[in-house]
PDB file of all heavy atoms in Angstrom:
ATOM      1  N   ARG A   1       1.132   9.489  22.454  1.00  0.00           N
ATOM      2  CA  ARG A   1       0.506   8.535  21.536  1.00  0.00           C
ATOM      3  C   ARG A   1       1.543   7.916  20.609  1.00  0.00           C
ATOM      4  O   ARG A   1       1.518   6.709  20.335  1.00  0.00           O
ATOM      5  CB  ARG A   1      -0.586   9.230  20.728  1.00  0.00           C
ATOM      6  CG  ARG A   1      -1.389   8.293  19.833  1.00  0.00           C
ATOM      7  CD  ARG A   1      -2.446   9.070  19.083  1.00  0.00           C
ATOM      8  NE  ARG A   1      -3.321   9.779  20.003  1.00  0.00           N
ATOM      9  CZ  ARG A   1      -4.205  10.697  19.617  1.00  0.00           C
ATOM     10  NH1 ARG A   1      -4.303  11.014  18.349  1.00  0.00           N
ATOM     11  NH2 ARG A   1      -4.969  11.298  20.506  1.00  0.00           N
ATOM     12  N   ALA A   2       2.463   8.750  20.104  1.00  0.00           N
ATOM     13  CA  ALA A   2       3.510   8.213  19.223  1.00  0.00           C
ATOM     14  C   ALA A   2       4.403   7.230  19.971  1.00  0.00           C
ATOM     15  O   ALA A   2       4.819   6.206  19.425  1.00  0.00           O
ATOM     16  CB  ALA A   2       4.338   9.356  18.646  1.00  0.00           C
ATOM     17  N   ALA A   3       4.690   7.537  21.253  1.00  0.00           N
ATOM     18  CA  ALA A   3       5.524   6.621  22.033  1.00  0.00           C
ATOM     19  C   ALA A   3       4.818   5.292  22.255  1.00  0.00           C
ATOM     20  O   ALA A   3       5.442   4.226  22.204  1.00  0.00           O
ATOM     21  CB  ALA A   3       5.881   7.267  23.369  1.00  0.00           C
ATOM     22  N   ARG A   4       3.492   5.351  22.503  1.00  0.00           N
ATOM     23  CA  ARG A   4       2.756   4.105  22.701  1.00  0.00           C
ATOM     24  C   ARG A   4       2.688   3.282  21.422  1.00  0.00           C
ATOM     25  O   ARG A   4       2.597   2.050  21.464  1.00  0.00           O
ATOM     26  CB  ARG A   4       1.339   4.403  23.199  1.00  0.00           C
ATOM     27  CG  ARG A   4       1.289   4.920  24.628  1.00  0.00           C
ATOM     28  CD  ARG A   4      -0.142   4.858  25.162  1.00  0.00           C
ATOM     29  NE  ARG A   4      -1.048   5.647  24.357  1.00  0.00           N
ATOM     30  CZ  ARG A   4      -1.337   6.930  24.579  1.00  0.00           C
ATOM     31  NH1 ARG A   4      -0.770   7.555  25.618  1.00  0.00           N
ATOM     32  NH2 ARG A   4      -2.185   7.584  23.813  1.00  0.00           N
ATOM     33  N   MET A   5       2.686   3.968  20.296  1.00  0.00           N
ATOM     34  CA  MET A   5       2.604   3.261  19.015  1.00  0.00           C
ATOM     35  C   MET A   5       3.945   2.703  18.565  1.00  0.00           C
ATOM     36  O   MET A   5       4.006   1.924  17.614  1.00  0.00           O
ATOM     37  CB  MET A   5       2.047   4.194  17.929  1.00  0.00           C
ATOM     38  CG  MET A   5       0.602   4.617  18.171  1.00  0.00           C
ATOM     39  SD  MET A   5      -0.012   5.776  16.924  1.00  0.00           S
ATOM     40  CE  MET A   5       0.093   4.785  15.440  1.00  0.00           C
ATOM     41  N   GLN A   6       5.041   3.120  19.232  1.00  0.00           N
ATOM     42  CA  GLN A   6       6.342   2.585  18.871  1.00  0.00           C
ATOM     43  C   GLN A   6       6.399   1.095  19.221  1.00  0.00           C
ATOM     44  O   GLN A   6       5.962   0.679  20.296  1.00  0.00           O
ATOM     45  CB  GLN A   6       7.448   3.334  19.619  1.00  0.00           C
ATOM     46  CG  GLN A   6       7.660   4.759  19.132  1.00  0.00           C
ATOM     47  CD  GLN A   6       8.251   4.811  17.740  1.00  0.00           C
ATOM     48  OE1 GLN A   6       8.965   3.889  17.321  1.00  0.00           O
ATOM     49  NE2 GLN A   6       7.957   5.860  16.989  1.00  0.00           N
ATOM     50  N   THR A   7       6.903   0.311  18.319  1.00  0.00           N
ATOM     51  CA  THR A   7       7.010  -1.131  18.537  1.00  0.00           C
ATOM     52  C   THR A   7       8.469  -1.555  18.464  1.00  0.00           C
ATOM     53  O   THR A   7       9.309  -0.885  17.842  1.00  0.00           O
ATOM     54  CB  THR A   7       6.209  -1.905  17.473  1.00  0.00           C
ATOM     55  OG1 THR A   7       6.704  -1.558  16.167  1.00  0.00           O
ATOM     56  CG2 THR A   7       4.726  -1.564  17.560  1.00  0.00           C
ATOM     57  N   SER A   8       8.740  -2.656  19.095  1.00  0.00           N
ATOM     58  CA  SER A   8      10.092  -3.210  19.041  1.00  0.00           C
ATOM     59  C   SER A   8      10.346  -3.800  17.656  1.00  0.00           C
ATOM     60  O   SER A   8       9.404  -4.084  16.907  1.00  0.00           O
ATOM     61  CB  SER A   8      10.249  -4.298  20.103  1.00  0.00           C
ATOM     62  OG  SER A   8       9.394  -5.393  19.808  1.00  0.00           O
ATOM     63  N   PRO A   9      11.617  -3.976  17.303  1.00  0.00           N
ATOM     64  CA  PRO A   9      11.904  -4.598  15.994  1.00  0.00           C
ATOM     65  C   PRO A   9      11.230  -5.953  15.813  1.00  0.00           C
ATOM     66  O   PRO A   9      10.773  -6.278  14.719  1.00  0.00           O
ATOM     67  CB  PRO A   9      13.434  -4.714  15.994  1.00  0.00           C
ATOM     68  CG  PRO A   9      13.896  -3.632  16.925  1.00  0.00           C
ATOM     69  CD  PRO A   9      12.845  -3.536  17.981  1.00  0.00           C
ATOM     70  N   LEU A  10      11.148  -6.743  16.898  1.00  0.00           N
ATOM     71  CA  LEU A  10      10.500  -8.051  16.796  1.00  0.00           C
ATOM     72  C   LEU A  10       9.008  -7.897  16.516  1.00  0.00           C
ATOM     73  O   LEU A  10       8.453  -8.601  15.662  1.00  0.00           O
ATOM     74  CB  LEU A  10      10.718  -8.848  18.079  1.00  0.00           C
ATOM     75  CG  LEU A  10      10.057 -10.235  18.129  1.00  0.00           C
ATOM     76  CD1 LEU A  10      10.584 -11.113  17.000  1.00  0.00           C
ATOM     77  CD2 LEU A  10      10.285 -10.892  19.481  1.00  0.00           C
ATOM     78  N   GLN A  11       8.344  -6.955  17.225  1.00  0.00           N
ATOM     79  CA  GLN A  11       6.921  -6.721  16.975  1.00  0.00           C
ATOM     80  C   GLN A  11       6.690  -6.228  15.553  1.00  0.00           C
ATOM     81  O   GLN A  11       5.732  -6.625  14.887  1.00  0.00           O
ATOM     82  CB  GLN A  11       6.367  -5.722  17.984  1.00  0.00           C
ATOM     83  CG  GLN A  11       6.276  -6.253  19.400  1.00  0.00           C
ATOM     84  CD  GLN A  11       5.824  -5.192  20.369  1.00  0.00           C
ATOM     85  OE1 GLN A  11       6.221  -4.028  20.270  1.00  0.00           O
ATOM     86  NE2 GLN A  11       4.997  -5.584  21.326  1.00  0.00           N
ATOM     87  N   TRP A  12       7.566  -5.342  15.078  1.00  0.00           N
ATOM     88  CA  TRP A  12       7.428  -4.842  13.708  1.00  0.00           C
ATOM     89  C   TRP A  12       7.565  -5.990  12.710  1.00  0.00           C
ATOM     90  O   TRP A  12       6.796  -6.091  11.749  1.00  0.00           O
ATOM     91  CB  TRP A  12       8.489  -3.776  13.440  1.00  0.00           C
ATOM     92  CG  TRP A  12       8.392  -3.171  12.072  1.00  0.00           C
ATOM     93  CD1 TRP A  12       7.715  -2.054  11.704  1.00  0.00           C
ATOM     94  CD2 TRP A  12       9.010  -3.682  10.868  1.00  0.00           C
ATOM     95  NE1 TRP A  12       7.843  -1.824  10.354  1.00  0.00           N
ATOM     96  CE2 TRP A  12       8.632  -2.811   9.808  1.00  0.00           C
ATOM     97  CE3 TRP A  12       9.814  -4.767  10.572  1.00  0.00           C
ATOM     98  CZ2 TRP A  12       9.062  -3.006   8.497  1.00  0.00           C
ATOM     99  CZ3 TRP A  12      10.229  -4.966   9.266  1.00  0.00           C
ATOM    100  CH2 TRP A  12       9.857  -4.091   8.255  1.00  0.00           C
ATOM    101  N   LEU A  13       8.532  -6.867  12.940  1.00  0.00           N
ATOM    102  CA  LEU A  13       8.745  -7.986  12.030  1.00  0.00           C
ATOM    103  C   LEU A  13       7.552  -8.925  12.031  1.00  0.00           C
ATOM    104  O   LEU A  13       7.093  -9.375  10.972  1.00  0.00           O
ATOM    105  CB  LEU A  13      10.016  -8.739  12.428  1.00  0.00           C
ATOM    106  CG  LEU A  13      10.362  -9.978  11.585  1.00  0.00           C
ATOM    107  CD1 LEU A  13      10.610  -9.576  10.145  1.00  0.00           C
ATOM    108  CD2 LEU A  13      11.574 -10.695  12.164  1.00  0.00           C
ATOM    109  N   LEU A  14       7.020  -9.232  13.235  1.00  0.00           N
ATOM    110  CA  LEU A  14       5.873 -10.128  13.314  1.00  0.00           C
ATOM    111  C   LEU A  14       4.676  -9.529  12.597  1.00  0.00           C
ATOM    112  O   LEU A  14       3.975 -10.211  11.846  1.00  0.00           O
ATOM    113  CB  LEU A  14       5.532 -10.420  14.777  1.00  0.00           C
ATOM    114  CG  LEU A  14       6.547 -11.254  15.557  1.00  0.00           C
ATOM    115  CD1 LEU A  14       6.093 -11.432  16.996  1.00  0.00           C
ATOM    116  CD2 LEU A  14       6.743 -12.607  14.892  1.00  0.00           C
ATOM    117  N   HIS A  15       4.420  -8.246  12.819  1.00  0.00           N
ATOM    118  CA  HIS A  15       3.259  -7.617  12.182  1.00  0.00           C
ATOM    119  C   HIS A  15       3.409  -7.601  10.664  1.00  0.00           C
ATOM    120  O   HIS A  15       2.465  -7.901   9.930  1.00  0.00           O
ATOM    121  CB  HIS A  15       3.072  -6.200  12.713  1.00  0.00           C
ATOM    122  CG  HIS A  15       1.950  -5.460  12.054  1.00  0.00           C
ATOM    123  ND1 HIS A  15       0.627  -5.738  12.328  1.00  0.00           N
ATOM    124  CD2 HIS A  15       1.948  -4.485  11.108  1.00  0.00           C
ATOM    125  CE1 HIS A  15      -0.146  -4.950  11.596  1.00  0.00           C
ATOM    126  NE2 HIS A  15       0.628  -4.180  10.850  1.00  0.00           N
ATOM    127  N   HIS A  16       4.596  -7.254  10.194  1.00  0.00           N
ATOM    128  CA  HIS A  16       4.779  -7.162   8.748  1.00  0.00           C
ATOM    129  C   HIS A  16       4.969  -8.517   8.096  1.00  0.00           C
ATOM    130  O   HIS A  16       4.807  -8.641   6.879  1.00  0.00           O
ATOM    131  CB  HIS A  16       5.962  -6.238   8.427  1.00  0.00           C
ATOM    132  CG  HIS A  16       5.650  -4.788   8.656  1.00  0.00           C
ATOM    133  ND1 HIS A  16       5.665  -4.220   9.913  1.00  0.00           N
ATOM    134  CD2 HIS A  16       5.285  -3.809   7.791  1.00  0.00           C
ATOM    135  CE1 HIS A  16       5.338  -2.950   9.813  1.00  0.00           C
ATOM    136  NE2 HIS A  16       5.100  -2.667   8.556  1.00  0.00           N
ATOM    137  N   TYR A  17       5.325  -9.529   8.882  1.00  0.00           N
ATOM    138  CA  TYR A  17       5.314 -10.876   8.316  1.00  0.00           C
ATOM    139  C   TYR A  17       3.880 -11.313   8.044  1.00  0.00           C
ATOM    140  O   TYR A  17       3.580 -11.953   7.037  1.00  0.00           O
ATOM    141  CB  TYR A  17       5.989 -11.853   9.282  1.00  0.00           C
ATOM    142  CG  TYR A  17       5.371 -13.223   9.306  1.00  0.00           C
ATOM    143  CD1 TYR A  17       5.507 -14.087   8.229  1.00  0.00           C
ATOM    144  CD2 TYR A  17       4.609 -13.650  10.395  1.00  0.00           C
ATOM    145  CE1 TYR A  17       4.918 -15.344   8.238  1.00  0.00           C
ATOM    146  CE2 TYR A  17       4.021 -14.899  10.416  1.00  0.00           C
ATOM    147  CZ  TYR A  17       4.185 -15.737   9.332  1.00  0.00           C
ATOM    148  OH  TYR A  17       3.590 -16.964   9.341  1.00  0.00           O
ATOM    149  N   LEU A  18       2.969 -10.935   8.935  1.00  0.00           N
ATOM    150  CA  LEU A  18       1.585 -11.344   8.768  1.00  0.00           C
ATOM    151  C   LEU A  18       0.927 -10.624   7.605  1.00  0.00           C
ATOM    152  O   LEU A  18       0.179 -11.226   6.836  1.00  0.00           O
ATOM    153  CB  LEU A  18       0.817 -11.086  10.068  1.00  0.00           C
ATOM    154  CG  LEU A  18       1.285 -11.910  11.275  1.00  0.00           C
ATOM    155  CD1 LEU A  18       0.603 -11.435  12.535  1.00  0.00           C
ATOM    156  CD2 LEU A  18       1.012 -13.378  11.053  1.00  0.00           C
ATOM    157  N   PHE A  19       1.185  -9.329   7.463  1.00  0.00           N
ATOM    158  CA  PHE A  19       0.538  -8.599   6.376  1.00  0.00           C
ATOM    159  C   PHE A  19       1.298  -7.307   6.106  1.00  0.00           C
ATOM    160  O   PHE A  19       1.578  -6.537   7.034  1.00  0.00           O
ATOM    161  CB  PHE A  19      -0.908  -8.268   6.750  1.00  0.00           C
ATOM    162  CG  PHE A  19      -1.629  -7.500   5.675  1.00  0.00           C
ATOM    163  CD1 PHE A  19      -2.135  -8.161   4.570  1.00  0.00           C
ATOM    164  CD2 PHE A  19      -1.790  -6.133   5.761  1.00  0.00           C
ATOM    165  CE1 PHE A  19      -2.782  -7.465   3.569  1.00  0.00           C
ATOM    166  CE2 PHE A  19      -2.445  -5.424   4.760  1.00  0.00           C
ATOM    167  CZ  PHE A  19      -2.941  -6.094   3.671  1.00  0.00           C
ATOM    168  N   PHE A  20       1.630  -7.078   4.864  1.00  0.00           N
ATOM    169  CA  PHE A  20       2.152  -5.776   4.460  1.00  0.00           C
ATOM    170  C   PHE A  20       1.942  -5.606   2.966  1.00  0.00           C
ATOM    171  O   PHE A  20       1.747  -6.573   2.217  1.00  0.00           O
ATOM    172  CB  PHE A  20       3.635  -5.613   4.832  1.00  0.00           C
ATOM    173  CG  PHE A  20       4.569  -6.543   4.106  1.00  0.00           C
ATOM    174  CD1 PHE A  20       5.207  -6.163   2.941  1.00  0.00           C
ATOM    175  CD2 PHE A  20       4.825  -7.812   4.608  1.00  0.00           C
ATOM    176  CE1 PHE A  20       6.062  -7.020   2.281  1.00  0.00           C
ATOM    177  CE2 PHE A  20       5.686  -8.674   3.967  1.00  0.00           C
ATOM    178  CZ  PHE A  20       6.306  -8.279   2.793  1.00  0.00           C
ATOM    179  N   ARG A  21       1.968  -4.338   2.542  1.00  0.00           N
ATOM    180  CA  ARG A  21       1.706  -3.991   1.147  1.00  0.00           C
ATOM    181  C   ARG A  21       2.957  -3.445   0.489  1.00  0.00           C
ATOM    182  O   ARG A  21       3.767  -2.785   1.144  1.00  0.00           O
ATOM    183  CB  ARG A  21       0.587  -2.947   1.048  1.00  0.00           C
ATOM    184  CG  ARG A  21      -0.802  -3.477   1.380  1.00  0.00           C
ATOM    185  CD  ARG A  21      -1.829  -2.377   1.227  1.00  0.00           C
ATOM    186  NE  ARG A  21      -3.196  -2.876   1.347  1.00  0.00           N
ATOM    187  CZ  ARG A  21      -4.280  -2.132   1.189  1.00  0.00           C
ATOM    188  NH1 ARG A  21      -4.161  -0.848   0.898  1.00  0.00           N
ATOM    189  NH2 ARG A  21      -5.480  -2.668   1.312  1.00  0.00           N
ATOM    190  N   ILE A  22       3.078  -3.732  -0.802  1.00  0.00           N
ATOM    191  CA  ILE A  22       4.177  -3.195  -1.607  1.00  0.00           C
ATOM    192  C   ILE A  22       3.558  -2.447  -2.789  1.00  0.00           C
ATOM    193  O   ILE A  22       3.147  -3.072  -3.770  1.00  0.00           O
ATOM    194  CB  ILE A  22       5.112  -4.317  -2.118  1.00  0.00           C
ATOM    195  CG1 ILE A  22       5.627  -5.167  -0.957  1.00  0.00           C
ATOM    196  CG2 ILE A  22       6.273  -3.723  -2.907  1.00  0.00           C
ATOM    197  CD1 ILE A  22       6.461  -6.351  -1.400  1.00  0.00           C
ATOM    198  N   PRO A  23       3.425  -1.119  -2.714  1.00  0.00           N
ATOM    199  CA  PRO A  23       2.889  -0.368  -3.868  1.00  0.00           C
ATOM    200  C   PRO A  23       3.848  -0.478  -5.049  1.00  0.00           C
ATOM    201  O   PRO A  23       5.064  -0.334  -4.912  1.00  0.00           O
ATOM    202  CB  PRO A  23       2.795   1.072  -3.346  1.00  0.00           C
ATOM    203  CG  PRO A  23       2.894   0.965  -1.852  1.00  0.00           C
ATOM    204  CD  PRO A  23       3.728  -0.238  -1.575  1.00  0.00           C
ATOM    205  N   LEU A  24       3.282  -0.729  -6.220  1.00  0.00           N
ATOM    206  CA  LEU A  24       4.106  -0.889  -7.417  1.00  0.00           C
ATOM    207  C   LEU A  24       3.924   0.246  -8.415  1.00  0.00           C
ATOM    208  O   LEU A  24       4.892   0.705  -9.009  1.00  0.00           O
ATOM    209  CB  LEU A  24       3.784  -2.234  -8.090  1.00  0.00           C
ATOM    210  CG  LEU A  24       4.089  -3.497  -7.273  1.00  0.00           C
ATOM    211  CD1 LEU A  24       3.698  -4.740  -8.050  1.00  0.00           C
ATOM    212  CD2 LEU A  24       5.562  -3.548  -6.889  1.00  0.00           C
ATOM    213  N   VAL A  25       2.696   0.674  -8.624  1.00  0.00           N
ATOM    214  CA  VAL A  25       2.439   1.702  -9.640  1.00  0.00           C
ATOM    215  C   VAL A  25       1.435   2.709  -9.099  1.00  0.00           C
ATOM    216  O   VAL A  25       0.625   2.394  -8.212  1.00  0.00           O
ATOM    217  CB  VAL A  25       1.895   1.085 -10.949  1.00  0.00           C
ATOM    218  CG1 VAL A  25       2.927   0.217 -11.619  1.00  0.00           C
ATOM    219  CG2 VAL A  25       0.620   0.289 -10.688  1.00  0.00           C
ATOM    220  N   ARG A  26       1.508   3.950  -9.636  1.00  0.00           N
ATOM    221  CA  ARG A  26       0.481   4.966  -9.412  1.00  0.00           C
ATOM    222  C   ARG A  26      -0.274   5.130 -10.731  1.00  0.00           C
ATOM    223  O   ARG A  26       0.177   5.834 -11.626  1.00  0.00           O
ATOM    224  CB  ARG A  26       1.102   6.283  -8.970  1.00  0.00           C
ATOM    225  CG  ARG A  26       1.851   6.170  -7.646  1.00  0.00           C
ATOM    226  CD  ARG A  26       2.367   7.508  -7.166  1.00  0.00           C
ATOM    227  NE  ARG A  26       3.042   7.401  -5.892  1.00  0.00           N
ATOM    228  CZ  ARG A  26       2.444   7.435  -4.714  1.00  0.00           C
ATOM    229  NH1 ARG A  26       1.123   7.575  -4.676  1.00  0.00           N
ATOM    230  NH2 ARG A  26       3.132   7.336  -3.599  1.00  0.00           N
ATOM    231  N   PRO A  27      -1.403   4.467 -10.866  1.00  0.00           N
ATOM    232  CA  PRO A  27      -1.994   4.264 -12.197  1.00  0.00           C
ATOM    233  C   PRO A  27      -3.003   5.321 -12.638  1.00  0.00           C
ATOM    234  O   PRO A  27      -3.618   5.152 -13.682  1.00  0.00           O
ATOM    235  CB  PRO A  27      -2.707   2.923 -12.015  1.00  0.00           C
ATOM    236  CG  PRO A  27      -3.193   2.975 -10.602  1.00  0.00           C
ATOM    237  CD  PRO A  27      -2.170   3.748  -9.831  1.00  0.00           C
ATOM    238  N   GLN A  28      -3.183   6.403 -11.873  1.00  0.00           N
ATOM    239  CA  GLN A  28      -4.302   7.289 -12.153  1.00  0.00           C
ATOM    240  C   GLN A  28      -4.255   7.871 -13.562  1.00  0.00           C
ATOM    241  O   GLN A  28      -5.276   7.947 -14.247  1.00  0.00           O
ATOM    242  CB  GLN A  28      -4.338   8.422 -11.123  1.00  0.00           C
ATOM    243  CG  GLN A  28      -5.599   9.265 -11.161  1.00  0.00           C
ATOM    244  CD  GLN A  28      -6.856   8.440 -10.948  1.00  0.00           C
ATOM    245  OE1 GLN A  28      -6.882   7.555 -10.106  1.00  0.00           O
ATOM    246  NE2 GLN A  28      -7.878   8.707 -11.733  1.00  0.00           N
ATOM    247  N   VAL A  29      -3.065   8.265 -14.035  1.00  0.00           N
ATOM    248  CA  VAL A  29      -2.958   8.918 -15.354  1.00  0.00           C
ATOM    249  C   VAL A  29      -3.322   7.944 -16.468  1.00  0.00           C
ATOM    250  O   VAL A  29      -4.165   8.234 -17.330  1.00  0.00           O
ATOM    251  CB  VAL A  29      -1.531   9.475 -15.555  1.00  0.00           C
ATOM    252  CG1 VAL A  29      -1.385  10.034 -16.972  1.00  0.00           C
ATOM    253  CG2 VAL A  29      -1.238  10.559 -14.522  1.00  0.00           C
ATOM    254  N   TRP A  30      -2.714   6.754 -16.464  1.00  0.00           N
ATOM    255  CA  TRP A  30      -2.997   5.839 -17.579  1.00  0.00           C
ATOM    256  C   TRP A  30      -4.361   5.183 -17.442  1.00  0.00           C
ATOM    257  O   TRP A  30      -4.948   4.742 -18.437  1.00  0.00           O
ATOM    258  CB  TRP A  30      -1.891   4.823 -17.768  1.00  0.00           C
ATOM    259  CG  TRP A  30      -1.556   3.942 -16.607  1.00  0.00           C
ATOM    260  CD1 TRP A  30      -0.573   4.132 -15.697  1.00  0.00           C
ATOM    261  CD2 TRP A  30      -2.187   2.707 -16.248  1.00  0.00           C
ATOM    262  NE1 TRP A  30      -0.554   3.107 -14.787  1.00  0.00           N
ATOM    263  CE2 TRP A  30      -1.529   2.202 -15.111  1.00  0.00           C
ATOM    264  CE3 TRP A  30      -3.228   1.959 -16.801  1.00  0.00           C
ATOM    265  CZ2 TRP A  30      -1.886   1.016 -14.487  1.00  0.00           C
ATOM    266  CZ3 TRP A  30      -3.588   0.764 -16.189  1.00  0.00           C
ATOM    267  CH2 TRP A  30      -2.927   0.312 -15.052  1.00  0.00           C
ATOM    268  N   LEU A  31      -4.921   5.127 -16.242  1.00  0.00           N
ATOM    269  CA  LEU A  31      -6.291   4.644 -16.112  1.00  0.00           C
ATOM    270  C   LEU A  31      -7.266   5.619 -16.764  1.00  0.00           C
ATOM    271  O   LEU A  31      -8.211   5.214 -17.466  1.00  0.00           O
ATOM    272  CB  LEU A  31      -6.659   4.458 -14.636  1.00  0.00           C
ATOM    273  CG  LEU A  31      -6.115   3.214 -13.923  1.00  0.00           C
ATOM    274  CD1 LEU A  31      -6.471   3.261 -12.444  1.00  0.00           C
ATOM    275  CD2 LEU A  31      -6.666   1.942 -14.566  1.00  0.00           C
ATOM    276  N   ALA A  32      -7.034   6.913 -16.541  1.00  0.00           N
ATOM    277  CA  ALA A  32      -7.895   7.925 -17.165  1.00  0.00           C
ATOM    278  C   ALA A  32      -7.767   7.886 -18.681  1.00  0.00           C
ATOM    279  O   ALA A  32      -8.751   8.097 -19.408  1.00  0.00           O
ATOM    280  CB  ALA A  32      -7.532   9.311 -16.626  1.00  0.00           C
ATOM    281  N   GLY A  33      -6.554   7.616 -19.197  1.00  0.00           N
ATOM    282  CA  GLY A  33      -6.387   7.519 -20.643  1.00  0.00           C
ATOM    283  C   GLY A  33      -6.993   6.252 -21.223  1.00  0.00           C
ATOM    284  O   GLY A  33      -7.459   6.239 -22.371  1.00  0.00           O
ATOM    285  N   LEU A  34      -7.003   5.177 -20.456  1.00  0.00           N
ATOM    286  CA  LEU A  34      -7.548   3.908 -20.943  1.00  0.00           C
ATOM    287  C   LEU A  34      -9.068   3.861 -20.884  1.00  0.00           C
ATOM    288  O   LEU A  34      -9.700   3.161 -21.686  1.00  0.00           O
ATOM    289  CB  LEU A  34      -6.962   2.763 -20.095  1.00  0.00           C
ATOM    290  CG  LEU A  34      -7.410   1.337 -20.416  1.00  0.00           C
ATOM    291  CD1 LEU A  34      -6.993   0.948 -21.835  1.00  0.00           C
ATOM    292  CD2 LEU A  34      -6.837   0.354 -19.405  1.00  0.00           C
ATOM    293  N   LEU A  35      -9.672   4.613 -19.979  1.00  0.00           N
ATOM    294  CA  LEU A  35     -11.111   4.520 -19.753  1.00  0.00           C
ATOM    295  C   LEU A  35     -11.954   4.754 -21.009  1.00  0.00           C
ATOM    296  O   LEU A  35     -12.919   4.000 -21.243  1.00  0.00           O
ATOM    297  CB  LEU A  35     -11.513   5.498 -18.645  1.00  0.00           C
ATOM    298  CG  LEU A  35     -12.961   5.408 -18.175  1.00  0.00           C
ATOM    299  CD1 LEU A  35     -13.242   4.023 -17.594  1.00  0.00           C
ATOM    300  CD2 LEU A  35     -13.250   6.482 -17.131  1.00  0.00           C
ATOM    301  N   PRO A  36     -11.668   5.747 -21.865  1.00  0.00           N
ATOM    302  CA  PRO A  36     -12.518   5.934 -23.058  1.00  0.00           C
ATOM    303  C   PRO A  36     -12.545   4.727 -23.993  1.00  0.00           C
ATOM    304  O   PRO A  36     -13.534   4.502 -24.688  1.00  0.00           O
ATOM    305  CB  PRO A  36     -11.896   7.152 -23.748  1.00  0.00           C
ATOM    306  CG  PRO A  36     -11.179   7.879 -22.659  1.00  0.00           C
ATOM    307  CD  PRO A  36     -10.668   6.833 -21.745  1.00  0.00           C
ATOM    308  N   TYR A  37     -11.474   3.938 -24.011  1.00  0.00           N
ATOM    309  CA  TYR A  37     -11.413   2.791 -24.916  1.00  0.00           C
ATOM    310  C   TYR A  37     -12.180   1.582 -24.384  1.00  0.00           C
ATOM    311  O   TYR A  37     -12.495   0.665 -25.155  1.00  0.00           O
ATOM    312  CB  TYR A  37      -9.944   2.398 -25.148  1.00  0.00           C
ATOM    313  CG  TYR A  37      -9.135   3.479 -25.815  1.00  0.00           C
ATOM    314  CD1 TYR A  37      -8.311   4.315 -25.061  1.00  0.00           C
ATOM    315  CD2 TYR A  37      -9.192   3.683 -27.198  1.00  0.00           C
ATOM    316  CE1 TYR A  37      -7.561   5.314 -25.656  1.00  0.00           C
ATOM    317  CE2 TYR A  37      -8.445   4.683 -27.799  1.00  0.00           C
ATOM    318  CZ  TYR A  37      -7.637   5.497 -27.029  1.00  0.00           C
ATOM    319  OH  TYR A  37      -6.913   6.491 -27.632  1.00  0.00           O
ATOM    320  N   VAL A  38     -12.448   1.556 -23.103  1.00  0.00           N
ATOM    321  CA  VAL A  38     -13.157   0.400 -22.519  1.00  0.00           C
ATOM    322  C   VAL A  38     -14.504   0.809 -21.933  1.00  0.00           C
ATOM    323  O   VAL A  38     -15.124   0.032 -21.207  1.00  0.00           O
ATOM    324  CB  VAL A  38     -12.289  -0.271 -21.426  1.00  0.00           C
ATOM    325  CG1 VAL A  38     -11.021  -0.838 -22.023  1.00  0.00           C
ATOM    326  CG2 VAL A  38     -11.974   0.697 -20.299  1.00  0.00           C
ATOM    327  N   ASP A  39     -14.947   2.006 -22.250  1.00  0.00           N
ATOM    328  CA  ASP A  39     -16.211   2.470 -21.681  1.00  0.00           C
ATOM    329  C   ASP A  39     -17.382   1.588 -22.107  1.00  0.00           C
ATOM    330  O   ASP A  39     -18.379   1.484 -21.387  1.00  0.00           O
ATOM    331  CB  ASP A  39     -16.460   3.932 -22.105  1.00  0.00           C
ATOM    332  CG  ASP A  39     -17.567   4.561 -21.294  1.00  0.00           C
ATOM    333  OD1 ASP A  39     -17.459   4.580 -20.061  1.00  0.00           O
ATOM    334  OD2 ASP A  39     -18.569   5.010 -21.899  1.00  0.00           O
ATOM    335  N   TRP A  40     -17.279   0.935 -23.269  1.00  0.00           N
ATOM    336  CA  TRP A  40     -18.358   0.074 -23.754  1.00  0.00           C
ATOM    337  C   TRP A  40     -18.583  -1.138 -22.847  1.00  0.00           C
ATOM    338  O   TRP A  40     -19.653  -1.743 -22.834  1.00  0.00           O
ATOM    339  CB  TRP A  40     -18.049  -0.420 -25.171  1.00  0.00           C
ATOM    340  CG  TRP A  40     -16.739  -1.150 -25.268  1.00  0.00           C
ATOM    341  CD1 TRP A  40     -15.504  -0.608 -25.481  1.00  0.00           C
ATOM    342  CD2 TRP A  40     -16.535  -2.563 -25.118  1.00  0.00           C
ATOM    343  NE1 TRP A  40     -14.534  -1.587 -25.492  1.00  0.00           N
ATOM    344  CE2 TRP A  40     -15.148  -2.802 -25.278  1.00  0.00           C
ATOM    345  CE3 TRP A  40     -17.383  -3.642 -24.893  1.00  0.00           C
ATOM    346  CZ2 TRP A  40     -14.604  -4.070 -25.202  1.00  0.00           C
ATOM    347  CZ3 TRP A  40     -16.841  -4.911 -24.811  1.00  0.00           C
ATOM    348  CH2 TRP A  40     -15.464  -5.113 -24.966  1.00  0.00           C
TER     349      TRP A  40
END
């Protein structure tokens, strides 16, 4: 299955040109701290 899922560099580039994500922050801690102030 892993071998079938392997893609060529060109296929990888085409797929990631169409759509890819760039995670920037892990917000869970400050979201939990902010929630009491905006609960209203």
